[in-house]
Amino acid sequence: MADLVGVLKAAGESTRLRLLALLADGDHSVKDLTEILDQSQPRVSRHLKLLADAGLIQRHAEGAWAYYGLAPHGHGAELARWLVARIDPSDPARERDRNRQAAAIAAQQAIAAAYFAKVAESWDLLKTLHVPEDAVEHAILETLAGRVVDLLVDLGTGTGRMLEVLAPVYKRAIGIDSSREMLAVARSRLAASGISHAQVRLGDIGGLDPAIGPADVLVIHQVLHYFDDPGRMLAQARRLLKSGGEVLIVDFAPHNLEFLRTDHAHRRLGLSREQVTGWAEAASLEVRSVREFPAKNMDGGLTVCLWHLGERQKIGKTE
């Protein structure tokens, strides 16, 4: 009972209710929230700490910064969503907060667009070398057709495209990436699409925290070719998977485009079926299906592969 009273006390204050409403729309940094609420950083931080201690919101550190979002589960999470659903959208304070929130998101999108413009040339070059992405995305959706999973984790989320494409498939999703610039792009993309049930986090996908899971589905989209030892990375990722979970890997088939190694930081020039099968077996997984998407330019282009992995089936003893 004392815990419940503590949660109710934490939520029962006007500024903290405004914070819950803002965080229901997506993650925000302390800097964002101080600008939106027009309050001092110490005051906002104190409110956030009270909400976090009560289990209503969660905090994720990114270097010197921290991002906050509604707690994904627990009694505090349920109460937060119940309260937010009952806030009058026409309330003057709520309307003012939403207008300032929209301005903050627009500013972030401008920064993200400026960064993306810097890397657009290399991205556009890679796109000319392989099949249109919508064909692969359609195949990924087909693989998960008719399902809504509790938690999807996108490793190396980059611009957050997979979180956007797969939004109908999950109740909650987390995208992990080591690039703050890419995460800025991803946050902007999610906000622009109105996707509030996915968050992105700064993290090293080569050294994952198992507490991120357990995940129903892991997505590793165009990531493994950046690793010297993709098998080790897959084994680490396996620790996030719940029993009966699945892994979707999208990557290039073996190729000879050496400039991708020298100019674009690719460590592996594609992945073969044999390699992925071996890495899967070492991680107690099995390849359930493989689909290939041949290059648009068969003479020197890139073939994209979609691997669907699941837990390796245990073979019973014969009598």
Protein backbone atom coordinates (compact mmCIF):
# COMPACT_ATOMS: atom_id res chain seq x y z
CA MET A 1 0.00 0.00 0.00
CA ALA A 2 2.85 2.37 0.84
CA ASP A 3 4.32 1.84 -2.64
CA LEU A 4 0.99 2.68 -4.28
CA VAL A 5 0.65 5.85 -2.21
CA GLY A 6 4.17 6.84 -3.28
CA VAL A 7 3.31 6.39 -6.95
CA LEU A 8 0.12 8.43 -6.57
CA LYS A 9 2.01 11.22 -4.79
CA ALA A 10 4.63 11.29 -7.55
CA ALA A 11 1.97 11.64 -10.23
CA GLY A 12 -0.23 14.07 -8.31
CA GLU A 13 1.35 17.39 -9.32
CA SER A 14 0.59 19.55 -12.36
CA THR A 15 4.11 19.80 -13.79
CA ARG A 16 4.65 16.08 -13.38
CA LEU A 17 1.36 15.36 -15.14
CA ARG A 18 2.51 17.60 -18.00
CA LEU A 19 5.78 15.67 -18.15
CA LEU A 20 3.93 12.35 -18.33
CA ALA A 21 1.81 13.66 -21.20
CA LEU A 22 4.89 14.84 -23.12
CA LEU A 23 6.74 11.56 -22.57
CA ALA A 24 3.71 9.60 -23.75
CA ASP A 25 4.41 11.14 -27.18
CA GLY A 26 8.00 9.85 -27.22
CA ASP A 27 11.37 10.16 -25.52
CA HIS A 28 12.76 13.57 -24.61
CA SER A 29 16.00 14.85 -23.13
CA VAL A 30 16.11 17.10 -20.08
CA LYS A 31 17.08 19.95 -22.41
CA ASP A 32 13.96 19.36 -24.53
CA LEU A 33 11.71 19.31 -21.49
CA THR A 34 13.14 22.46 -19.92
CA GLU A 35 12.54 24.34 -23.19
CA ILE A 36 9.01 22.97 -23.65
CA LEU A 37 7.94 23.63 -20.05
CA ASP A 38 9.92 26.88 -19.79
CA GLN A 39 11.25 25.81 -16.40
CA SER A 40 14.73 25.57 -14.94
CA GLN A 41 16.84 22.47 -15.45
CA PRO A 42 17.14 21.70 -11.69
CA ARG A 43 13.36 21.94 -11.27
CA VAL A 44 12.62 19.68 -14.25
CA SER A 45 15.32 17.20 -13.19
CA ARG A 46 13.82 16.99 -9.69
CA HIS A 47 10.36 16.24 -11.11
CA LEU A 48 11.82 13.61 -13.45
CA LYS A 49 13.67 11.93 -10.59
CA LEU A 50 10.48 11.66 -8.55
CA LEU A 51 8.63 10.16 -11.50
CA ALA A 52 11.48 7.73 -12.23
CA ASP A 53 11.81 6.65 -8.58
CA ALA A 54 8.07 5.89 -8.56
CA GLY A 55 8.37 3.71 -11.68
CA LEU A 56 6.24 5.99 -13.84
CA ILE A 57 9.05 6.82 -16.29
CA GLN A 58 12.47 5.41 -17.15
CA ARG A 59 15.83 7.12 -17.71
CA HIS A 60 18.44 6.20 -20.33
CA ALA A 61 21.86 7.83 -20.17
CA GLU A 62 23.68 8.79 -23.38
CA GLY A 63 27.05 10.14 -22.30
CA ALA A 64 26.47 13.51 -20.65
CA TRP A 65 22.84 13.49 -21.78
CA ALA A 66 19.86 11.49 -20.56
CA TYR A 67 16.60 10.65 -22.30
CA TYR A 68 13.33 9.92 -20.52
CA GLY A 69 10.25 7.99 -21.61
CA LEU A 70 7.23 6.36 -20.01
CA ALA A 71 8.03 3.13 -18.20
CA PRO A 72 7.24 0.18 -20.51
CA HIS A 73 5.65 -2.07 -17.89
CA GLY A 74 4.65 -2.35 -14.24
CA HIS A 75 2.00 -0.67 -12.10
CA GLY A 76 3.62 2.73 -12.58
CA ALA A 77 3.49 2.34 -16.35
CA GLU A 78 -0.19 1.38 -16.23
CA LEU A 79 -1.06 4.34 -14.02
CA ALA A 80 0.93 6.77 -16.20
CA ARG A 81 -0.95 5.74 -19.33
CA TRP A 82 -4.29 5.83 -17.49
CA LEU A 83 -3.61 9.37 -16.32
CA VAL A 84 -2.40 10.63 -19.70
CA ALA A 85 -5.52 9.25 -21.39
CA ARG A 86 -7.64 11.41 -19.09
CA ILE A 87 -5.86 14.74 -19.64
CA ASP A 88 -8.06 17.16 -21.54
CA PRO A 89 -6.28 17.85 -24.87
CA SER A 90 -7.87 21.31 -24.99
CA ASP A 91 -6.44 22.33 -21.62
CA PRO A 92 -4.43 25.58 -22.21
CA ALA A 93 -1.27 24.23 -20.55
CA ARG A 94 -1.47 21.02 -22.59
CA GLU A 95 -1.99 22.93 -25.86
CA ARG A 96 0.95 25.20 -25.07
CA ASP A 97 3.18 22.22 -24.27
CA ARG A 98 2.22 20.47 -27.51
CA ASN A 99 2.97 23.58 -29.57
CA ARG A 100 6.38 23.96 -27.95
CA GLN A 101 6.96 20.22 -28.34
CA ALA A 102 6.22 20.48 -32.06
CA ALA A 103 8.70 23.36 -32.36
CA ALA A 104 11.38 21.35 -30.53
CA ILE A 105 10.82 18.32 -32.78
CA ALA A 106 11.01 20.53 -35.89
CA ALA A 107 14.35 21.90 -34.72
CA GLN A 108 15.67 18.39 -34.11
CA GLN A 109 14.49 17.29 -37.55
CA ALA A 110 16.37 20.19 -39.13
CA ILE A 111 19.57 19.12 -37.38
CA ALA A 112 19.00 15.51 -38.42
CA ALA A 113 18.33 16.54 -42.01
CA ALA A 114 21.57 18.54 -42.09
CA TYR A 115 23.53 15.52 -40.88
CA PHE A 116 21.80 13.18 -43.30
CA ALA A 117 22.61 15.55 -46.17
CA LYS A 118 26.32 15.09 -45.37
CA VAL A 119 26.12 11.30 -45.70
CA ALA A 120 23.48 11.20 -48.44
CA GLU A 121 26.00 10.80 -51.26
CA SER A 122 27.44 7.56 -49.88
CA TRP A 123 23.99 6.24 -48.97
CA ASP A 124 22.67 6.99 -52.43
CA LEU A 125 25.64 5.22 -54.00
CA LEU A 126 24.98 2.04 -52.01
CA LYS A 127 21.30 2.12 -52.96
CA THR A 128 22.21 2.04 -56.66
CA LEU A 129 24.11 -1.19 -56.10
CA HIS A 130 21.29 -3.39 -54.81
CA VAL A 131 17.60 -4.18 -55.11
CA PRO A 132 15.09 -1.49 -54.04
CA GLU A 133 14.64 -1.57 -50.28
CA ASP A 134 10.85 -1.85 -50.43
CA ALA A 135 11.16 -5.40 -51.81
CA VAL A 136 13.23 -6.48 -48.80
CA GLU A 137 10.97 -4.61 -46.38
CA HIS A 138 7.91 -6.34 -47.85
CA ALA A 139 9.60 -9.70 -47.35
CA ILE A 140 10.40 -8.88 -43.71
CA LEU A 141 6.76 -7.98 -43.09
CA GLU A 142 5.69 -11.22 -44.79
CA THR A 143 7.93 -13.20 -42.44
CA LEU A 144 6.18 -11.67 -39.41
CA ALA A 145 2.73 -11.49 -41.02
CA GLY A 146 -0.30 -11.62 -38.76
CA ARG A 147 1.64 -11.23 -35.55
CA VAL A 148 2.06 -8.57 -32.89
CA VAL A 149 4.99 -9.28 -30.56
CA ASP A 150 5.62 -7.79 -27.14
CA LEU A 151 9.19 -6.57 -27.75
CA LEU A 152 11.23 -6.11 -30.92
CA VAL A 153 14.87 -5.02 -30.72
CA ASP A 154 16.57 -3.47 -33.76
CA LEU A 155 20.36 -3.72 -33.46
CA GLY A 156 22.24 -1.04 -35.34
CA THR A 157 18.98 0.82 -35.94
CA GLY A 158 20.67 3.66 -37.88
CA THR A 159 17.93 5.96 -39.16
CA GLY A 160 15.21 3.90 -37.45
CA ARG A 161 13.76 2.72 -40.75
CA MET A 162 13.07 -0.82 -39.47
CA LEU A 163 11.28 0.55 -36.41
CA GLU A 164 9.08 2.54 -38.76
CA VAL A 165 8.39 -0.32 -41.19
CA LEU A 166 7.67 -2.84 -38.46
CA ALA A 167 5.59 -0.53 -36.23
CA PRO A 168 2.38 -2.59 -36.76
CA VAL A 169 4.20 -5.76 -35.69
CA TYR A 170 5.24 -4.84 -32.13
CA LYS A 171 3.73 -3.50 -28.93
CA ARG A 172 7.10 -2.05 -27.94
CA ALA A 173 10.45 -1.71 -29.69
CA ILE A 174 13.96 -0.57 -28.86
CA GLY A 175 16.53 0.50 -31.45
CA ILE A 176 20.21 0.41 -30.46
CA ASP A 177 22.97 2.32 -32.26
CA SER A 178 26.42 3.70 -31.43
CA SER A 179 26.01 6.88 -33.48
CA ARG A 180 24.38 9.88 -31.79
CA GLU A 181 23.92 11.48 -35.21
CA MET A 182 22.02 8.47 -36.52
CA LEU A 183 19.91 8.36 -33.37
CA ALA A 184 18.96 11.99 -33.96
CA VAL A 185 17.75 10.99 -37.43
CA ALA A 186 15.87 8.00 -35.97
CA ARG A 187 14.16 10.08 -33.29
CA SER A 188 13.08 12.60 -35.89
CA ARG A 189 11.74 9.84 -38.13
CA LEU A 190 9.75 8.23 -35.33
CA ALA A 191 8.33 11.57 -34.21
CA ALA A 192 7.36 12.53 -37.75
CA SER A 193 5.58 9.18 -38.16
CA GLY A 194 3.76 9.46 -34.83
CA ILE A 195 5.37 6.27 -33.53
CA SER A 196 5.44 6.53 -29.74
CA HIS A 197 5.76 2.82 -28.89
CA ALA A 198 9.38 2.63 -30.06
CA GLN A 199 12.46 4.17 -28.46
CA VAL A 200 16.08 4.40 -29.54
CA ARG A 201 19.10 4.06 -27.27
CA LEU A 202 22.80 4.79 -27.55
CA GLY A 203 24.71 1.55 -27.12
CA ASP A 204 27.45 -0.74 -28.34
CA ILE A 205 25.82 -3.62 -30.20
CA GLY A 206 29.10 -5.51 -29.89
CA GLY A 207 28.68 -5.58 -26.10
CA LEU A 208 24.96 -5.71 -25.39
CA ASP A 209 23.32 -5.48 -21.99
CA PRO A 210 21.07 -8.56 -21.60
CA ALA A 211 18.68 -6.41 -19.54
CA ILE A 212 17.49 -4.86 -22.83
CA GLY A 213 15.55 -8.07 -23.47
CA PRO A 214 14.02 -10.54 -23.44
CA ALA A 215 13.00 -9.86 -27.03
CA ASP A 216 10.53 -11.77 -29.17
CA VAL A 217 12.25 -10.61 -32.37
CA LEU A 218 15.77 -9.33 -33.04
CA VAL A 219 16.40 -7.42 -36.27
CA ILE A 220 19.98 -7.11 -37.55
CA HIS A 221 19.63 -5.07 -40.72
CA GLN A 222 22.76 -4.35 -42.79
CA VAL A 223 24.97 -4.53 -39.70
CA LEU A 224 27.00 -7.75 -39.65
CA HIS A 225 29.29 -6.75 -42.54
CA TYR A 226 30.75 -4.03 -40.27
CA PHE A 227 32.11 -6.68 -37.89
CA ASP A 228 35.35 -8.66 -38.20
CA ASP A 229 33.64 -11.47 -36.29
CA PRO A 230 29.89 -11.46 -37.11
CA GLY A 231 29.48 -14.82 -35.37
CA ARG A 232 30.56 -13.35 -32.05
CA MET A 233 28.16 -10.46 -32.49
CA LEU A 234 25.30 -12.88 -33.27
CA ALA A 235 26.14 -14.95 -30.18
CA GLN A 236 26.00 -11.79 -28.05
CA ALA A 237 22.68 -10.80 -29.59
CA ARG A 238 21.32 -14.29 -28.87
CA ARG A 239 21.44 -13.47 -25.15
CA LEU A 240 18.67 -10.90 -25.64
CA LEU A 241 16.26 -13.42 -27.16
CA LYS A 242 13.46 -14.97 -25.15
CA SER A 243 12.63 -18.66 -25.45
CA GLY A 244 10.97 -19.23 -28.81
CA GLY A 245 12.21 -15.90 -30.16
CA GLU A 246 13.37 -15.20 -33.70
CA VAL A 247 16.16 -13.32 -35.46
CA LEU A 248 15.90 -11.55 -38.82
CA ILE A 249 19.18 -10.78 -40.56
CA VAL A 250 19.44 -8.66 -43.70
CA ASP A 251 22.84 -8.39 -45.32
CA PHE A 252 24.75 -8.74 -48.57
CA ALA A 253 25.67 -12.02 -50.21
CA PRO A 254 29.41 -12.46 -50.94
CA HIS A 255 30.75 -9.92 -53.46
CA ASN A 256 34.01 -8.46 -54.72
CA LEU A 257 33.42 -4.73 -54.29
CA GLU A 258 36.63 -3.98 -52.42
CA PHE A 259 35.95 -0.23 -52.33
CA LEU A 260 33.18 -0.88 -49.78
CA ARG A 261 35.90 -2.07 -47.40
CA THR A 262 38.35 0.74 -48.10
CA ASP A 263 35.88 3.63 -48.46
CA HIS A 264 32.81 2.61 -46.44
CA ALA A 265 34.21 0.69 -43.45
CA HIS A 266 32.78 -2.70 -44.48
CA ARG A 267 34.82 -5.40 -42.74
CA ARG A 268 33.25 -8.38 -44.52
CA LEU A 269 32.51 -8.43 -48.23
CA GLY A 270 29.16 -10.13 -47.80
CA LEU A 271 28.03 -13.20 -45.86
CA SER A 272 27.59 -16.67 -47.32
CA ARG A 273 24.82 -19.12 -46.46
CA GLU A 274 27.41 -21.47 -45.00
CA GLN A 275 28.84 -18.77 -42.76
CA VAL A 276 25.48 -17.67 -41.39
CA THR A 277 24.42 -21.29 -40.84
CA GLY A 278 27.62 -21.94 -38.89
CA TRP A 279 27.29 -18.82 -36.78
CA ALA A 280 23.64 -19.65 -36.08
CA GLU A 281 24.48 -23.18 -34.95
CA ALA A 282 27.22 -21.87 -32.65
CA ALA A 283 24.60 -19.61 -31.04
CA SER A 284 22.09 -22.49 -30.64
CA LEU A 285 20.00 -21.14 -33.49
CA GLU A 286 19.00 -22.58 -36.84
CA VAL A 287 18.30 -21.04 -40.23
CA ARG A 288 14.62 -21.51 -40.98
CA SER A 289 14.61 -19.78 -44.36
CA VAL A 290 16.76 -17.69 -46.68
CA ARG A 291 15.52 -15.36 -49.40
CA GLU A 292 17.75 -13.74 -51.99
CA PHE A 293 17.14 -10.46 -53.79
CA PRO A 294 19.46 -10.26 -56.80
CA ALA A 295 21.21 -7.03 -57.65
CA LYS A 296 19.59 -4.61 -60.07
CA ASN A 297 22.88 -4.59 -61.93
CA MET A 298 23.89 -8.25 -62.10
CA ASP A 299 27.31 -7.23 -63.41
CA GLY A 300 29.01 -5.91 -60.27
CA GLY A 301 25.91 -5.27 -58.14
CA LEU A 302 25.00 -6.50 -54.67
CA THR A 303 22.59 -9.31 -53.84
CA VAL A 304 20.68 -8.83 -50.58
CA CYS A 305 19.77 -11.83 -48.40
CA LEU A 306 17.12 -12.18 -45.71
CA TRP A 307 17.80 -14.90 -43.15
CA HIS A 308 15.10 -16.01 -40.71
CA LEU A 309 16.58 -17.70 -37.62
CA GLY A 310 14.95 -19.42 -34.67
CA GLU A 311 15.89 -21.61 -31.75
CA ARG A 312 17.56 -24.85 -32.78
CA GLN A 313 15.15 -27.72 -32.32
CA LYS A 314 16.26 -30.32 -29.79
CA ILE A 315 16.30 -33.82 -31.21
CA GLY A 316 14.92 -36.36 -28.78
CA LYS A 317 16.69 -39.57 -27.96
CA THR A 318 15.75 -42.57 -30.06
CA GLU A 319 14.52 -45.67 -28.26
